[in-house]
Amino acid sequence: MALRVPKAELPSELRENMIKMLGTVPEPEEVLAHNPKVAAASREFSNGVATWDAADASLKTFAHMAVAAQIGCSWCLDINYFLAQNHNLDLAKASQVPRWKESEVFTPLERDVLAYAEAMTNTPPTVTDELYAGLLDRLGPAALVELTVFIGFANFAARCNTAHGITSQGFSDACAIPLAPRPQAFGTAATA
């Protein structure tokens, strides 16, 4: 898939900072730059989300990757796997998120978080009282509220990226363990 809107120029300082951080400019930034107010608001919210610390970073990363796999956002899978490596998260687990239902590497809590991420991503959402209550008991209110909004943000990012035609930029190529493919075709979200 090709970008559906051409890349816009970023301010040079922002461009240089992104290249220092990631080695290249993320395509979502170049697309959103067509509307500087939208780009700034999106960046501000994304930067704020990155500072939240009530929920475990691995759980949030796995949840974001599960959303991306379900929606078919290869860019989100790519960058989150790369960031998992750079934040010293368990790459053996992160690599298996696209096929988490078949994988045996996840703990019961991680599996419930992945199920919750997919249930929130379904249209309409399929979150059950039992799943929510189980997570609330194990995570507590602050972490579950954070995780829920984080998953909502992941849906926002993944859906915007796929609508704009943004795909993987190869960030995860730097990871020692290859990212497992999803067992079903991208873009076929379950409606359970």
Protein backbone atom coordinates (compact mmCIF):
# COMPACT_ATOMS: atom_id res chain seq x y z
CA MET A 1 0.00 0.00 0.00
CA ALA A 2 1.22 3.49 -0.75
CA LEU A 3 0.67 6.65 1.25
CA ARG A 4 -2.65 8.17 0.30
CA VAL A 5 -1.41 11.70 0.94
CA PRO A 6 2.13 12.86 0.16
CA LYS A 7 4.55 13.56 2.97
CA ALA A 8 4.69 17.14 4.19
CA GLU A 9 7.82 18.95 5.31
CA LEU A 10 8.48 19.10 9.03
CA PRO A 11 10.20 21.99 10.76
CA SER A 12 13.94 21.26 10.57
CA GLU A 13 14.45 21.11 14.35
CA LEU A 14 11.64 18.58 14.78
CA ARG A 15 12.94 16.55 11.85
CA GLU A 16 16.46 16.50 13.30
CA ASN A 17 15.20 15.46 16.76
CA MET A 18 13.23 12.56 15.30
CA ILE A 19 16.20 11.40 13.29
CA LYS A 20 18.35 11.50 16.45
CA MET A 21 15.76 9.46 18.36
CA LEU A 22 14.75 6.93 15.71
CA GLY A 23 17.22 7.18 12.86
CA THR A 24 14.53 8.48 10.51
CA VAL A 25 11.35 10.56 10.54
CA PRO A 26 8.22 8.51 11.28
CA GLU A 27 5.82 8.65 8.34
CA PRO A 28 2.81 9.41 10.56
CA GLU A 29 4.54 12.66 11.54
CA GLU A 30 5.13 13.56 7.89
CA VAL A 31 1.48 12.89 7.02
CA LEU A 32 0.06 14.77 10.00
CA ALA A 33 2.34 17.74 9.21
CA HIS A 34 -0.18 18.76 6.56
CA ASN A 35 -2.22 20.10 9.48
CA PRO A 36 0.20 21.54 12.07
CA LYS A 37 -2.48 21.86 14.78
CA VAL A 38 -3.46 18.20 14.41
CA ALA A 39 0.20 17.15 14.31
CA ALA A 40 1.03 19.14 17.45
CA ALA A 41 -2.00 17.85 19.38
CA SER A 42 -1.29 14.26 18.35
CA ARG A 43 2.38 14.55 19.32
CA GLU A 44 1.48 16.18 22.65
CA PHE A 45 -0.98 13.43 23.53
CA SER A 46 1.44 10.71 22.41
CA ASN A 47 4.22 12.24 24.50
CA GLY A 48 1.88 12.43 27.49
CA VAL A 49 0.84 8.79 27.08
CA ALA A 50 4.53 7.84 27.15
CA THR A 51 4.87 9.32 30.66
CA TRP A 52 2.07 7.28 32.24
CA ASP A 53 3.39 4.73 34.70
CA ALA A 54 0.52 3.13 36.63
CA ALA A 55 0.37 0.14 34.26
CA ASP A 56 3.33 -2.06 33.39
CA ALA A 57 5.16 -0.99 30.20
CA SER A 58 5.23 -4.54 28.84
CA LEU A 59 1.47 -4.91 29.23
CA LYS A 60 0.88 -1.62 27.42
CA THR A 61 3.29 -2.49 24.62
CA PHE A 62 1.77 -5.94 24.16
CA ALA A 63 -1.72 -4.38 24.15
CA HIS A 64 -0.74 -1.81 21.51
CA MET A 65 0.79 -4.53 19.35
CA ALA A 66 -2.36 -6.68 19.71
CA VAL A 67 -4.50 -3.75 18.54
CA ALA A 68 -2.14 -3.15 15.62
CA ALA A 69 -2.18 -6.80 14.60
CA GLN A 70 -5.97 -6.93 14.74
CA ILE A 71 -6.46 -3.71 12.76
CA GLY A 72 -3.63 -4.46 10.36
CA CYS A 73 -1.37 -1.52 11.18
CA SER A 74 2.06 -2.82 10.22
CA TRP A 75 3.56 0.56 11.16
CA CYS A 76 2.35 0.27 14.78
CA LEU A 77 3.58 -3.34 15.03
CA ASP A 78 6.93 -2.33 13.58
CA ILE A 79 7.57 0.68 15.83
CA ASN A 80 6.25 -0.96 19.01
CA TYR A 81 8.43 -4.02 18.53
CA PHE A 82 11.43 -1.74 17.94
CA LEU A 83 10.56 0.29 21.05
CA ALA A 84 10.14 -2.92 23.08
CA GLN A 85 13.74 -3.77 22.24
CA ASN A 86 14.94 -0.27 23.12
CA HIS A 87 13.10 -0.35 26.44
CA ASN A 88 14.57 -3.77 27.31
CA LEU A 89 11.21 -5.53 27.28
CA ASP A 90 10.98 -9.27 26.71
CA LEU A 91 11.48 -9.59 22.94
CA ALA A 92 10.64 -13.29 22.94
CA LYS A 93 7.17 -12.37 24.17
CA ALA A 94 6.82 -9.18 22.12
CA SER A 95 7.70 -11.10 18.95
CA GLN A 96 4.79 -13.46 19.60
CA VAL A 97 2.04 -10.85 20.10
CA PRO A 98 0.66 -11.18 16.55
CA ARG A 99 0.00 -14.88 17.28
CA TRP A 100 -0.59 -14.64 21.02
CA LYS A 101 -3.54 -17.05 21.06
CA GLU A 102 -1.35 -19.86 19.70
CA SER A 103 1.76 -18.93 21.70
CA GLU A 104 2.58 -20.38 25.12
CA VAL A 105 5.00 -17.63 26.25
CA PHE A 106 2.43 -15.35 27.91
CA THR A 107 1.34 -15.37 31.55
CA PRO A 108 -2.38 -15.53 32.38
CA LEU A 109 -2.37 -11.77 33.12
CA GLU A 110 -0.67 -10.97 29.81
CA ARG A 111 -3.15 -13.18 27.96
CA ASP A 112 -6.06 -11.36 29.62
CA VAL A 113 -4.56 -7.98 28.68
CA LEU A 114 -4.17 -9.14 25.07
CA ALA A 115 -7.77 -10.41 25.07
CA TYR A 116 -8.91 -7.09 26.56
CA ALA A 117 -7.05 -5.15 23.84
CA GLU A 118 -8.74 -7.21 21.14
CA ALA A 119 -12.14 -6.97 22.82
CA MET A 120 -11.82 -3.17 22.94
CA THR A 121 -10.78 -3.15 19.27
CA ASN A 122 -13.71 -5.25 18.06
CA THR A 123 -16.54 -3.34 16.43
CA PRO A 124 -18.66 -3.15 18.46
CA PRO A 125 -16.41 -3.68 21.50
CA THR A 126 -16.85 -7.07 23.18
CA VAL A 127 -15.40 -6.40 26.64
CA THR A 128 -17.15 -8.59 29.19
CA ASP A 129 -17.82 -7.80 32.83
CA GLU A 130 -15.80 -10.88 33.80
CA LEU A 131 -12.72 -9.87 31.80
CA TYR A 132 -12.86 -6.32 33.14
CA ALA A 133 -13.38 -7.44 36.75
CA GLY A 134 -10.49 -9.90 36.53
CA LEU A 135 -8.15 -7.21 35.28
CA LEU A 136 -9.42 -4.74 37.88
CA ASP A 137 -8.67 -7.25 40.66
CA ARG A 138 -5.11 -7.83 39.41
CA LEU A 139 -4.16 -4.36 38.19
CA GLY A 140 -6.16 -1.99 40.38
CA PRO A 141 -8.24 0.98 39.23
CA ALA A 142 -5.42 3.38 38.29
CA ALA A 143 -3.58 0.86 36.11
CA LEU A 144 -6.74 -0.41 34.44
CA VAL A 145 -7.94 3.11 33.64
CA GLU A 146 -4.50 3.83 32.17
CA LEU A 147 -4.44 0.59 30.20
CA THR A 148 -7.93 1.24 28.83
CA VAL A 149 -7.09 4.74 27.61
CA PHE A 150 -3.77 3.45 26.25
CA ILE A 151 -5.63 0.81 24.21
CA GLY A 152 -8.03 3.52 23.00
CA PHE A 153 -5.01 5.57 21.92
CA ALA A 154 -3.57 2.51 20.14
CA ASN A 155 -6.86 2.16 18.24
CA PHE A 156 -6.74 5.84 17.30
CA ALA A 157 -3.16 5.61 16.02
CA ALA A 158 -3.58 2.29 14.20
CA ARG A 159 -6.82 3.29 12.50
CA CYS A 160 -5.44 6.67 11.39
CA ASN A 161 -2.25 5.10 10.07
CA THR A 162 -4.06 2.44 8.06
CA ALA A 163 -6.52 4.99 6.65
CA HIS A 164 -3.58 7.16 5.47
CA GLY A 165 -1.87 4.12 3.92
CA ILE A 166 1.07 4.25 6.35
CA THR A 167 2.91 0.92 6.58
CA SER A 168 6.01 -0.47 8.25
CA GLN A 169 9.20 1.55 7.91
CA GLY A 170 11.45 -1.35 8.90
CA PHE A 171 12.18 -0.27 12.48
CA SER A 172 11.87 -3.85 13.71
CA ASP A 173 14.55 -5.05 11.28
CA ALA A 174 17.05 -4.02 13.98
CA CYS A 175 15.57 -6.57 16.42
CA ALA A 176 17.44 -9.85 16.93
CA ILE A 177 14.25 -11.93 17.07
CA PRO A 178 11.94 -11.72 14.03
CA LEU A 179 8.38 -10.56 14.63
CA ALA A 180 5.98 -13.49 14.24
CA PRO A 181 3.32 -13.10 11.54
CA ARG A 182 -0.34 -13.01 12.50
CA PRO A 183 -2.01 -16.35 11.70
CA GLN A 184 -4.89 -14.68 9.84
CA ALA A 185 -4.83 -11.92 7.22
CA PHE A 186 -4.40 -8.33 8.40
CA GLY A 187 -7.54 -6.25 8.52
CA THR A 188 -9.90 -9.01 9.51
CA ALA A 189 -10.90 -7.98 12.99
CA ALA A 190 -13.00 -10.47 14.83
CA THR A 191 -16.51 -9.41 15.68
CA ALA A 192 -17.10 -12.17 18.23
